[in-house]
């Protein structure tokens, strides 16, 4: 099977899974809201459930962009990405989508995959910032402790085989594939304890 066809099938599968998960997560969110209005449940418990549902919803939306189908001409809004990044934030890891304009979905897909790659190097959290200038994506990680896995990061510059990758590392295969599809190449480096991915 040609590589492009395999990539398209994987994207369709990602879109299908995320599409099917969005509705039940939304229903849970609505149910939590109704419970809050009824006043019959402890607010701290509801707050915990609400925060978890919001984070799960944002994570599925991120996965839908990163792993789903990106049709040529389709755009992704900057406001939508900022909303997703805000909902993804935890007490240890935050995301800053510092991109002002809406961008083609296929470009945002690459940026999201790069963002997911850089997450793996932040065991204690920190801040991830995504920017786009002069047609180039830059994803920067700032944290007290950064631990990029050399074997994984070596995969980013070219298309490699799946071989020893774990499911949680699939972005290290998909990011170079997406970069190649849109005529890009991912570069990485570090400066004064800051990790940088560019494409």
N, C-alpha and C. Protein backbone atom coordinates (compact mmCIF):
# COMPACT_ATOMS: atom_id res chain seq x y z
N UNK A 1 0.85 -1.19 0.00
CA UNK A 1 0.00 0.00 0.00
C UNK A 1 0.89 1.25 0.00
N UNK A 2 0.64 2.21 -0.91
CA UNK A 2 1.44 3.44 -0.93
C UNK A 2 1.37 4.18 0.41
N UNK A 3 2.47 4.84 0.76
CA UNK A 3 2.57 5.53 2.04
C UNK A 3 1.47 6.57 2.22
N UNK A 4 1.16 7.31 1.15
CA UNK A 4 0.13 8.35 1.24
C UNK A 4 -1.23 7.74 1.56
N UNK A 5 -1.54 6.58 0.95
CA UNK A 5 -2.82 5.92 1.22
C UNK A 5 -2.90 5.46 2.67
N UNK A 6 -1.81 4.91 3.20
CA UNK A 6 -1.78 4.47 4.59
C UNK A 6 -2.00 5.65 5.53
N UNK A 7 -1.40 6.79 5.20
CA UNK A 7 -1.56 8.00 6.01
C UNK A 7 -3.01 8.48 5.98
N UNK A 8 -3.63 8.42 4.80
CA UNK A 8 -5.03 8.84 4.66
C UNK A 8 -5.96 7.93 5.46
N UNK A 9 -5.70 6.63 5.43
CA UNK A 9 -6.52 5.68 6.19
C UNK A 9 -6.39 5.95 7.69
N UNK A 10 -5.16 6.20 8.15
CA UNK A 10 -4.93 6.51 9.56
C UNK A 10 -5.68 7.79 9.95
N UNK A 11 -5.67 8.79 9.06
CA UNK A 11 -6.36 10.05 9.34
C UNK A 11 -7.87 9.84 9.40
N UNK A 12 -8.41 9.03 8.49
CA UNK A 12 -9.85 8.74 8.51
C UNK A 12 -10.24 8.02 9.79
N UNK A 13 -9.39 7.09 10.21
CA UNK A 13 -9.64 6.36 11.45
C UNK A 13 -9.63 7.31 12.64
N UNK A 14 -8.64 8.21 12.68
CA UNK A 14 -8.57 9.20 13.76
C UNK A 14 -9.80 10.09 13.79
N UNK A 15 -10.23 10.54 12.62
CA UNK A 15 -11.43 11.39 12.53
C UNK A 15 -12.66 10.65 13.03
N UNK A 16 -12.81 9.39 12.65
CA UNK A 16 -13.98 8.60 13.04
C UNK A 16 -14.03 8.42 14.56
N UNK A 17 -12.91 8.03 15.15
CA UNK A 17 -12.89 7.81 16.60
C UNK A 17 -13.21 9.09 17.35
N UNK A 18 -12.57 10.19 16.95
CA UNK A 18 -12.80 11.46 17.64
C UNK A 18 -14.23 11.95 17.45
N UNK A 19 -14.77 11.78 16.24
CA UNK A 19 -16.16 12.19 15.97
C UNK A 19 -17.13 11.45 16.88
N UNK A 20 -16.88 10.15 17.06
CA UNK A 20 -17.78 9.33 17.88
C UNK A 20 -17.64 9.64 19.38
N UNK A 21 -16.50 10.15 19.80
CA UNK A 21 -16.29 10.46 21.21
C UNK A 21 -16.81 11.84 21.61
N UNK A 22 -16.83 12.76 20.66
CA UNK A 22 -17.24 14.14 20.96
C UNK A 22 -18.66 14.20 21.53
N UNK A 23 -19.59 13.47 20.93
CA UNK A 23 -20.99 13.54 21.36
C UNK A 23 -21.21 13.06 22.80
N UNK A 24 -20.71 11.87 23.18
CA UNK A 24 -20.93 11.46 24.57
C UNK A 24 -20.22 12.36 25.58
N UNK A 25 -19.06 12.88 25.23
CA UNK A 25 -18.38 13.80 26.16
C UNK A 25 -19.20 15.08 26.32
N UNK A 26 -19.75 15.56 25.22
CA UNK A 26 -20.62 16.74 25.28
C UNK A 26 -21.85 16.47 26.13
N UNK A 27 -22.42 15.27 26.03
CA UNK A 27 -23.60 14.91 26.82
C UNK A 27 -23.26 14.89 28.31
N UNK A 28 -22.09 14.36 28.65
CA UNK A 28 -21.66 14.35 30.06
C UNK A 28 -21.51 15.78 30.56
N UNK A 29 -20.93 16.62 29.74
CA UNK A 29 -20.75 18.03 30.11
C UNK A 29 -22.09 18.70 30.38
N UNK A 30 -23.07 18.43 29.51
CA UNK A 30 -24.41 19.00 29.71
C UNK A 30 -25.06 18.47 30.99
N UNK A 31 -24.85 17.18 31.26
CA UNK A 31 -25.40 16.57 32.48
C UNK A 31 -24.80 17.19 33.73
N UNK A 32 -23.49 17.43 33.71
CA UNK A 32 -22.82 18.06 34.85
C UNK A 32 -23.37 19.48 35.07
N UNK A 33 -23.60 20.18 33.97
CA UNK A 33 -24.14 21.54 34.08
C UNK A 33 -25.54 21.52 34.70
N UNK A 34 -26.35 20.58 34.29
CA UNK A 34 -27.70 20.46 34.84
C UNK A 34 -27.68 20.11 36.33
N UNK A 35 -26.75 19.21 36.72
CA UNK A 35 -26.61 18.87 38.14
C UNK A 35 -26.21 20.10 38.95
N UNK A 36 -25.35 20.92 38.39
CA UNK A 36 -24.94 22.14 39.07
C UNK A 36 -26.09 23.09 39.28
N UNK A 37 -26.97 23.18 38.28
CA UNK A 37 -28.13 24.07 38.38
C UNK A 37 -29.16 23.56 39.38
N UNK A 38 -29.20 22.22 39.54
CA UNK A 38 -30.19 21.65 40.45
C UNK A 38 -29.83 21.85 41.92
N UNK A 39 -28.52 22.04 42.19
CA UNK A 39 -28.08 22.27 43.56
C UNK A 39 -28.13 21.05 44.45
N UNK A 40 -28.24 19.86 43.88
CA UNK A 40 -28.37 18.63 44.70
C UNK A 40 -27.03 17.92 44.92
N UNK A 41 -25.97 18.43 44.30
CA UNK A 41 -24.67 17.77 44.38
C UNK A 41 -23.62 18.73 44.93
N UNK A 42 -22.66 18.19 45.66
CA UNK A 42 -21.58 18.98 46.23
C UNK A 42 -20.80 19.69 45.12
N UNK A 43 -20.58 20.99 45.28
CA UNK A 43 -19.92 21.80 44.25
C UNK A 43 -18.49 21.36 43.97
N UNK A 44 -17.76 20.93 45.00
CA UNK A 44 -16.37 20.52 44.78
C UNK A 44 -16.30 19.27 43.91
N UNK A 45 -17.24 18.35 44.13
CA UNK A 45 -17.29 17.14 43.30
C UNK A 45 -17.64 17.50 41.86
N UNK A 46 -18.63 18.37 41.70
CA UNK A 46 -19.04 18.79 40.36
C UNK A 46 -17.91 19.51 39.65
N UNK A 47 -17.18 20.33 40.38
CA UNK A 47 -16.07 21.08 39.80
C UNK A 47 -15.00 20.13 39.27
N UNK A 48 -14.71 19.09 40.04
CA UNK A 48 -13.71 18.11 39.63
C UNK A 48 -14.16 17.39 38.35
N UNK A 49 -15.43 16.97 38.33
CA UNK A 49 -15.96 16.28 37.14
C UNK A 49 -15.98 17.23 35.95
N UNK A 50 -16.41 18.46 36.18
CA UNK A 50 -16.50 19.44 35.10
C UNK A 50 -15.14 19.73 34.48
N UNK A 51 -14.12 19.90 35.34
CA UNK A 51 -12.76 20.16 34.85
C UNK A 51 -12.24 18.98 34.03
N UNK A 52 -12.52 17.77 34.51
CA UNK A 52 -12.06 16.56 33.81
C UNK A 52 -12.75 16.41 32.45
N UNK A 53 -14.04 16.68 32.42
CA UNK A 53 -14.79 16.59 31.16
C UNK A 53 -14.29 17.64 30.17
N UNK A 54 -14.04 18.86 30.66
CA UNK A 54 -13.56 19.94 29.79
C UNK A 54 -12.19 19.57 29.20
N UNK A 55 -11.32 19.00 30.03
CA UNK A 55 -10.00 18.59 29.56
C UNK A 55 -10.10 17.45 28.55
N UNK A 56 -10.98 16.48 28.83
CA UNK A 56 -11.17 15.36 27.90
C UNK A 56 -11.72 15.85 26.56
N UNK A 57 -12.65 16.78 26.60
CA UNK A 57 -13.23 17.35 25.39
C UNK A 57 -12.16 18.05 24.56
N UNK A 58 -11.30 18.84 25.24
CA UNK A 58 -10.23 19.55 24.55
C UNK A 58 -9.22 18.58 23.96
N UNK A 59 -8.91 17.51 24.71
CA UNK A 59 -7.94 16.52 24.23
C UNK A 59 -8.47 15.81 22.98
N UNK A 60 -9.76 15.48 22.96
CA UNK A 60 -10.35 14.84 21.78
C UNK A 60 -10.33 15.79 20.58
N UNK A 61 -10.60 17.08 20.83
CA UNK A 61 -10.55 18.07 19.75
C UNK A 61 -9.13 18.19 19.19
N UNK A 62 -8.14 18.17 20.10
CA UNK A 62 -6.74 18.21 19.67
C UNK A 62 -6.41 16.97 18.84
N UNK A 63 -6.83 15.80 19.32
CA UNK A 63 -6.58 14.56 18.59
C UNK A 63 -7.25 14.58 17.22
N UNK A 64 -8.45 15.17 17.16
CA UNK A 64 -9.17 15.22 15.89
C UNK A 64 -8.39 16.01 14.85
N UNK A 65 -7.73 17.09 15.30
CA UNK A 65 -6.92 17.89 14.39
C UNK A 65 -5.60 17.18 14.08
N UNK A 66 -4.94 16.68 15.13
CA UNK A 66 -3.62 16.06 14.95
C UNK A 66 -3.66 14.74 14.20
N UNK A 67 -4.66 13.92 14.49
CA UNK A 67 -4.72 12.57 13.91
C UNK A 67 -5.78 12.42 12.83
N UNK A 68 -6.66 13.41 12.71
CA UNK A 68 -7.76 13.30 11.76
C UNK A 68 -7.42 13.78 10.36
N UNK A 69 -8.44 13.78 9.53
CA UNK A 69 -8.28 14.16 8.13
C UNK A 69 -8.16 15.67 8.00
N UNK A 70 -7.21 16.11 7.19
CA UNK A 70 -7.02 17.54 6.94
C UNK A 70 -7.21 17.79 5.45
N UNK A 71 -8.39 18.24 5.07
CA UNK A 71 -8.72 18.47 3.67
C UNK A 71 -8.10 19.77 3.18
N UNK A 72 -7.53 19.74 1.98
CA UNK A 72 -6.94 20.94 1.40
C UNK A 72 -8.00 22.04 1.29
N UNK A 73 -7.66 23.23 1.74
CA UNK A 73 -8.59 24.36 1.71
C UNK A 73 -9.36 24.55 3.00
N UNK A 74 -9.37 23.53 3.86
CA UNK A 74 -10.04 23.63 5.15
C UNK A 74 -9.20 24.48 6.09
N UNK A 75 -9.86 25.37 6.84
CA UNK A 75 -9.15 26.26 7.76
C UNK A 75 -9.48 25.91 9.21
N UNK A 76 -8.55 26.23 10.09
CA UNK A 76 -8.77 26.06 11.53
C UNK A 76 -8.58 27.43 12.18
N UNK A 77 -9.56 27.83 12.98
CA UNK A 77 -9.55 29.16 13.56
C UNK A 77 -8.56 29.31 14.71
N UNK A 78 -7.96 30.48 14.78
CA UNK A 78 -7.04 30.79 15.88
C UNK A 78 -7.78 30.78 17.21
N UNK A 79 -9.01 31.30 17.21
CA UNK A 79 -9.81 31.35 18.45
C UNK A 79 -10.13 29.93 18.93
N UNK A 80 -10.42 29.02 17.99
CA UNK A 80 -10.69 27.62 18.35
C UNK A 80 -9.46 26.99 18.99
N UNK A 81 -8.29 27.23 18.42
CA UNK A 81 -7.06 26.65 18.96
C UNK A 81 -6.72 27.23 20.33
N UNK A 82 -6.95 28.53 20.51
CA UNK A 82 -6.70 29.13 21.83
C UNK A 82 -7.64 28.54 22.88
N UNK A 83 -8.88 28.29 22.49
CA UNK A 83 -9.86 27.68 23.39
C UNK A 83 -9.45 26.26 23.77
N UNK A 84 -8.99 25.49 22.80
CA UNK A 84 -8.52 24.13 23.06
C UNK A 84 -7.32 24.16 24.00
N UNK A 85 -6.37 25.04 23.72
CA UNK A 85 -5.16 25.13 24.55
C UNK A 85 -5.48 25.55 25.98
N UNK A 86 -6.43 26.45 26.14
CA UNK A 86 -6.83 26.88 27.48
C UNK A 86 -7.44 25.71 28.26
N UNK A 87 -8.27 24.93 27.58
CA UNK A 87 -8.93 23.79 28.24
C UNK A 87 -7.97 22.64 28.50
N UNK A 88 -6.89 22.55 27.73
CA UNK A 88 -5.90 21.49 27.93
C UNK A 88 -5.02 21.73 29.15
N UNK A 89 -4.95 22.98 29.58
CA UNK A 89 -4.03 23.35 30.66
C UNK A 89 -4.33 22.59 31.96
N UNK A 90 -3.26 22.21 32.63
CA UNK A 90 -3.37 21.57 33.95
C UNK A 90 -2.57 22.42 34.93
N UNK A 91 -2.51 21.95 36.18
CA UNK A 91 -1.75 22.73 37.16
C UNK A 91 -0.24 22.63 36.93
N UNK A 92 0.19 21.76 36.01
CA UNK A 92 1.63 21.66 35.75
C UNK A 92 2.04 21.99 34.32
N UNK A 93 1.08 21.92 33.39
CA UNK A 93 1.42 22.16 31.99
C UNK A 93 0.41 23.10 31.34
N UNK A 94 0.92 24.17 30.72
CA UNK A 94 0.05 25.13 30.04
C UNK A 94 0.49 25.29 28.58
N UNK A 95 -0.45 25.76 27.77
CA UNK A 95 -0.23 25.88 26.33
C UNK A 95 -0.57 27.30 25.89
N UNK A 96 0.27 27.86 25.05
CA UNK A 96 0.05 29.22 24.54
C UNK A 96 0.04 29.17 23.02
N UNK A 97 -1.17 29.30 22.43
CA UNK A 97 -1.29 29.34 20.97
C UNK A 97 -1.12 30.80 20.55
N UNK A 98 0.13 31.18 20.27
CA UNK A 98 0.46 32.58 19.95
C UNK A 98 0.42 32.80 18.44
N UNK A 99 -0.67 32.35 17.83
CA UNK A 99 -0.86 32.49 16.38
C UNK A 99 -2.10 33.35 16.18
N UNK A 100 -1.94 34.47 15.51
CA UNK A 100 -3.04 35.44 15.41
C UNK A 100 -4.10 35.07 14.38
N UNK A 101 -3.67 34.50 13.27
CA UNK A 101 -4.60 34.27 12.16
C UNK A 101 -5.05 32.81 12.07
N UNK A 102 -6.20 32.62 11.42
CA UNK A 102 -6.64 31.27 11.08
C UNK A 102 -5.63 30.68 10.11
N UNK A 103 -5.46 29.35 10.17
CA UNK A 103 -4.45 28.69 9.34
C UNK A 103 -5.06 27.48 8.65
N UNK A 104 -4.47 27.07 7.51
CA UNK A 104 -4.95 25.84 6.85
C UNK A 104 -4.88 24.65 7.81
N UNK A 105 -5.89 23.80 7.76
CA UNK A 105 -5.98 22.66 8.67
C UNK A 105 -4.74 21.76 8.59
N UNK A 106 -4.23 21.56 7.36
CA UNK A 106 -3.06 20.69 7.20
C UNK A 106 -1.83 21.26 7.89
N UNK A 107 -1.76 22.60 8.00
CA UNK A 107 -0.65 23.25 8.70
C UNK A 107 -0.83 23.11 10.22
N UNK A 108 -2.06 23.34 10.68
CA UNK A 108 -2.34 23.24 12.11
C UNK A 108 -2.15 21.80 12.58
N UNK A 109 -2.47 20.85 11.73
CA UNK A 109 -2.25 19.43 12.04
C UNK A 109 -0.79 19.20 12.38
N UNK A 110 0.11 19.73 11.55
CA UNK A 110 1.55 19.59 11.80
C UNK A 110 1.93 20.24 13.12
N UNK A 111 1.43 21.45 13.37
CA UNK A 111 1.77 22.16 14.61
C UNK A 111 1.31 21.38 15.83
N UNK A 112 0.12 20.79 15.76
CA UNK A 112 -0.40 20.00 16.89
C UNK A 112 0.43 18.75 17.13
N UNK A 113 0.85 18.10 16.06
CA UNK A 113 1.69 16.91 16.21
C UNK A 113 3.05 17.29 16.83
N UNK A 114 3.60 18.43 16.40
CA UNK A 114 4.85 18.90 16.99
C UNK A 114 4.66 19.24 18.47
N UNK A 115 3.53 19.82 18.80
CA UNK A 115 3.22 20.15 20.19
C UNK A 115 3.15 18.88 21.04
N UNK A 116 2.54 17.84 20.49
CA UNK A 116 2.44 16.58 21.21
C UNK A 116 3.80 15.91 21.37
N UNK A 117 4.69 16.10 20.39
CA UNK A 117 6.05 15.57 20.51
C UNK A 117 6.79 16.25 21.65
N UNK A 118 6.68 17.56 21.71
CA UNK A 118 7.45 18.31 22.70
C UNK A 118 6.93 18.09 24.12
N UNK A 119 5.65 17.72 24.24
CA UNK A 119 5.08 17.38 25.56
C UNK A 119 5.86 16.25 26.24
N UNK A 120 6.33 15.30 25.43
CA UNK A 120 6.98 14.11 25.99
C UNK A 120 8.30 14.44 26.68
N UNK A 121 8.85 15.62 26.42
CA UNK A 121 10.14 16.01 27.01
C UNK A 121 9.96 16.83 28.28
N UNK A 122 8.72 16.90 28.79
CA UNK A 122 8.43 17.76 29.93
C UNK A 122 7.81 16.96 31.08
N UNK A 123 8.60 16.12 31.75
CA UNK A 123 8.05 15.24 32.79
C UNK A 123 7.44 15.97 33.97
N UNK A 124 7.88 17.18 34.24
CA UNK A 124 7.34 17.96 35.36
C UNK A 124 6.50 19.15 34.89
N UNK A 125 6.16 19.15 33.62
CA UNK A 125 5.33 20.22 33.10
C UNK A 125 6.15 21.43 32.69
N UNK A 126 5.44 22.53 32.46
CA UNK A 126 6.06 23.75 32.00
C UNK A 126 5.11 24.49 31.08
N UNK A 127 5.67 25.23 30.14
CA UNK A 127 4.86 26.01 29.19
C UNK A 127 5.27 25.66 27.77
N UNK A 128 4.26 25.39 26.93
CA UNK A 128 4.49 25.16 25.50
C UNK A 128 3.89 26.32 24.74
N UNK A 129 4.69 26.94 23.89
CA UNK A 129 4.20 28.06 23.07
C UNK A 129 4.33 27.71 21.59
N UNK A 130 3.25 27.95 20.86
CA UNK A 130 3.23 27.71 19.41
C UNK A 130 3.08 29.04 18.69
N UNK A 131 3.99 29.31 17.74
CA UNK A 131 3.90 30.55 16.96
C UNK A 131 4.10 30.24 15.48
N UNK A 132 3.72 31.21 14.65
CA UNK A 132 3.81 31.04 13.19
C UNK A 132 4.20 32.38 12.58
N UNK A 133 5.41 32.42 12.01
CA UNK A 133 5.91 33.65 11.40
C UNK A 133 6.59 33.33 10.07
N UNK A 134 6.28 34.15 9.06
CA UNK A 134 6.90 33.99 7.74
C UNK A 134 6.80 32.56 7.22
N UNK A 135 5.64 31.95 7.45
CA UNK A 135 5.38 30.62 6.93
C UNK A 135 6.05 29.49 7.70
N UNK A 136 6.61 29.78 8.86
CA UNK A 136 7.29 28.74 9.64
C UNK A 136 6.67 28.58 11.02
N UNK A 137 6.44 27.32 11.41
CA UNK A 137 5.93 27.00 12.74
C UNK A 137 7.09 26.86 13.71
N UNK A 138 6.91 27.39 14.90
CA UNK A 138 7.90 27.22 15.97
C UNK A 138 7.15 26.79 17.22
N UNK A 139 7.59 25.67 17.80
CA UNK A 139 7.02 25.18 19.06
C UNK A 139 8.14 25.19 20.09
N UNK A 140 7.92 25.93 21.17
CA UNK A 140 8.96 26.12 22.19
C UNK A 140 8.47 25.55 23.53
N UNK A 141 9.34 24.82 24.19
CA UNK A 141 9.04 24.28 25.53
C UNK A 141 9.96 24.94 26.55
N UNK A 142 9.35 25.48 27.60
CA UNK A 142 10.12 26.05 28.71
C UNK A 142 9.70 25.34 29.99
N UNK A 143 10.70 24.80 30.71
CA UNK A 143 10.39 24.05 31.93
C UNK A 143 11.64 23.97 32.80
N UNK A 144 11.42 23.70 34.08
CA UNK A 144 12.54 23.51 34.99
C UNK A 144 13.35 22.27 34.60
N UNK A 145 12.65 21.28 34.09
CA UNK A 145 13.30 20.03 33.71
C UNK A 145 12.83 19.60 32.33
N UNK A 146 13.77 19.44 31.41
CA UNK A 146 13.46 19.02 30.05
C UNK A 146 14.26 17.76 29.74
N UNK A 147 13.57 16.74 29.24
CA UNK A 147 14.22 15.46 28.98
C UNK A 147 13.81 14.90 27.61
N UNK A 148 14.29 15.51 26.54
CA UNK A 148 13.98 14.94 25.22
C UNK A 148 14.68 13.61 25.03
N UNK A 149 13.95 12.62 24.56
CA UNK A 149 14.51 11.29 24.30
C UNK A 149 15.26 11.35 22.97
N UNK A 150 16.59 11.18 22.98
CA UNK A 150 17.37 11.30 21.74
C UNK A 150 16.87 10.39 20.62
N UNK A 151 16.47 9.16 20.97
CA UNK A 151 16.00 8.22 19.95
C UNK A 151 14.71 8.70 19.28
N UNK A 152 13.82 9.29 20.08
CA UNK A 152 12.56 9.81 19.53
C UNK A 152 12.80 11.07 18.71
N UNK A 153 13.60 11.97 19.25
CA UNK A 153 13.83 13.24 18.56
C UNK A 153 14.60 13.05 17.26
N UNK A 154 15.41 11.99 17.18
CA UNK A 154 16.14 11.71 15.94
C UNK A 154 15.17 11.34 14.81
N UNK A 155 13.97 10.89 15.16
CA UNK A 155 12.96 10.50 14.17
C UNK A 155 12.32 11.71 13.48
N UNK A 156 12.41 12.88 14.10
CA UNK A 156 11.64 14.02 13.61
C UNK A 156 12.13 14.58 12.28
N UNK A 157 13.41 14.37 11.97
CA UNK A 157 13.96 14.95 10.75
C UNK A 157 13.67 14.17 9.48
N UNK A 158 13.17 12.94 9.62
CA UNK A 158 12.89 12.12 8.44
C UNK A 158 11.82 11.08 8.76
N UNK A 159 11.28 10.47 7.72
CA UNK A 159 10.26 9.44 7.89
C UNK A 159 10.94 8.12 8.26
N UNK A 160 10.51 7.52 9.36
CA UNK A 160 11.13 6.29 9.85
C UNK A 160 10.09 5.18 9.99
N UNK A 161 10.56 3.98 10.30
CA UNK A 161 9.69 2.83 10.52
C UNK A 161 9.08 2.89 11.92
N UNK A 162 7.97 2.20 12.10
CA UNK A 162 7.28 2.18 13.40
C UNK A 162 8.10 1.41 14.43
N UNK A 163 8.62 0.26 14.07
CA UNK A 163 9.38 -0.68 14.90
C UNK A 163 9.10 -0.60 16.40
N UNK A 164 9.94 0.06 17.20
CA UNK A 164 9.84 -0.02 18.66
C UNK A 164 8.95 1.06 19.30
N UNK A 165 8.27 1.85 18.50
CA UNK A 165 7.45 2.93 19.07
C UNK A 165 6.28 2.38 19.89
N UNK A 166 5.97 3.09 20.98
CA UNK A 166 4.80 2.79 21.79
C UNK A 166 3.62 3.60 21.27
N UNK A 167 2.38 3.20 21.59
CA UNK A 167 1.21 3.96 21.13
C UNK A 167 1.27 5.45 21.51
N UNK A 168 1.79 5.75 22.69
CA UNK A 168 1.86 7.15 23.15
C UNK A 168 2.89 7.96 22.39
N UNK A 169 3.66 7.30 21.51
CA UNK A 169 4.72 7.99 20.76
C UNK A 169 4.41 8.08 19.27
N UNK A 170 3.19 7.75 18.88
CA UNK A 170 2.83 7.71 17.46
C UNK A 170 3.05 9.04 16.76
N UNK A 171 3.00 10.15 17.50
CA UNK A 171 3.21 11.47 16.90
C UNK A 171 4.61 11.62 16.29
N UNK A 172 5.58 10.83 16.76
CA UNK A 172 6.94 10.91 16.23
C UNK A 172 7.06 10.26 14.84
N UNK A 173 6.06 9.47 14.46
CA UNK A 173 5.97 8.96 13.08
C UNK A 173 5.13 9.90 12.24
N UNK A 174 4.01 10.35 12.81
CA UNK A 174 3.05 11.14 12.05
C UNK A 174 3.53 12.57 11.75
N UNK A 175 4.28 13.18 12.66
CA UNK A 175 4.74 14.56 12.44
C UNK A 175 5.65 14.67 11.21
N UNK A 176 6.68 13.82 11.08
CA UNK A 176 7.48 13.88 9.85
C UNK A 176 6.69 13.54 8.58
N UNK A 177 5.73 12.62 8.69
CA UNK A 177 4.89 12.29 7.54
C UNK A 177 4.07 13.51 7.10
N UNK A 178 3.46 14.19 8.08
CA UNK A 178 2.66 15.37 7.75
C UNK A 178 3.54 16.49 7.20
N UNK A 179 4.71 16.66 7.79
CA UNK A 179 5.65 17.68 7.29
C UNK A 179 6.00 17.41 5.84
N UNK A 180 6.27 16.15 5.53
CA UNK A 180 6.63 15.76 4.16
C UNK A 180 5.48 16.02 3.20
N UNK A 181 4.24 15.73 3.64
CA UNK A 181 3.07 15.92 2.78
C UNK A 181 2.89 17.38 2.36
N UNK A 182 3.27 18.31 3.23
CA UNK A 182 3.09 19.74 2.90
C UNK A 182 4.41 20.43 2.58
N UNK A 183 5.41 19.61 2.27
CA UNK A 183 6.69 20.16 1.81
C UNK A 183 7.54 20.81 2.88
N UNK A 184 7.46 20.28 4.09
CA UNK A 184 8.25 20.82 5.20
C UNK A 184 9.21 19.77 5.74
N UNK A 185 10.13 20.23 6.59
CA UNK A 185 11.03 19.33 7.31
C UNK A 185 11.18 19.86 8.72
N UNK A 186 11.05 18.98 9.71
CA UNK A 186 11.12 19.40 11.11
C UNK A 186 12.58 19.45 11.57
N UNK A 187 12.91 20.57 12.21
CA UNK A 187 14.25 20.73 12.81
C UNK A 187 14.06 20.92 14.31
N UNK A 188 15.05 20.50 15.08
CA UNK A 188 14.94 20.66 16.52
C UNK A 188 16.27 21.08 17.13
N UNK A 189 16.19 21.70 18.30
CA UNK A 189 17.39 22.14 18.99
C UNK A 189 17.05 22.61 20.39
N UNK A 190 18.05 23.02 21.12
CA UNK A 190 17.81 23.57 22.45
C UNK A 190 18.79 24.71 22.72
N UNK A 191 18.30 25.70 23.45
CA UNK A 191 19.10 26.87 23.80
C UNK A 191 18.80 27.25 25.25
N UNK A 192 19.82 27.23 26.09
CA UNK A 192 19.68 27.65 27.49
C UNK A 192 18.48 26.98 28.17
N UNK A 193 18.35 25.66 28.00
CA UNK A 193 17.28 24.94 28.67
C UNK A 193 15.92 25.09 28.03
N UNK A 194 15.87 25.62 26.81
CA UNK A 194 14.61 25.77 26.07
C UNK A 194 14.65 24.86 24.87
N UNK A 195 13.63 24.03 24.70
CA UNK A 195 13.54 23.14 23.55
C UNK A 195 12.77 23.82 22.42
N UNK A 196 13.23 23.63 21.19
CA UNK A 196 12.60 24.28 20.05
C UNK A 196 12.40 23.28 18.92
N UNK A 197 11.19 23.26 18.38
CA UNK A 197 10.88 22.52 17.15
C UNK A 197 10.46 23.53 16.10
N UNK A 198 10.95 23.37 14.88
CA UNK A 198 10.57 24.28 13.79
C UNK A 198 10.29 23.49 12.53
N UNK A 199 9.34 23.99 11.75
CA UNK A 199 9.04 23.36 10.45
C UNK A 199 8.46 24.42 9.52
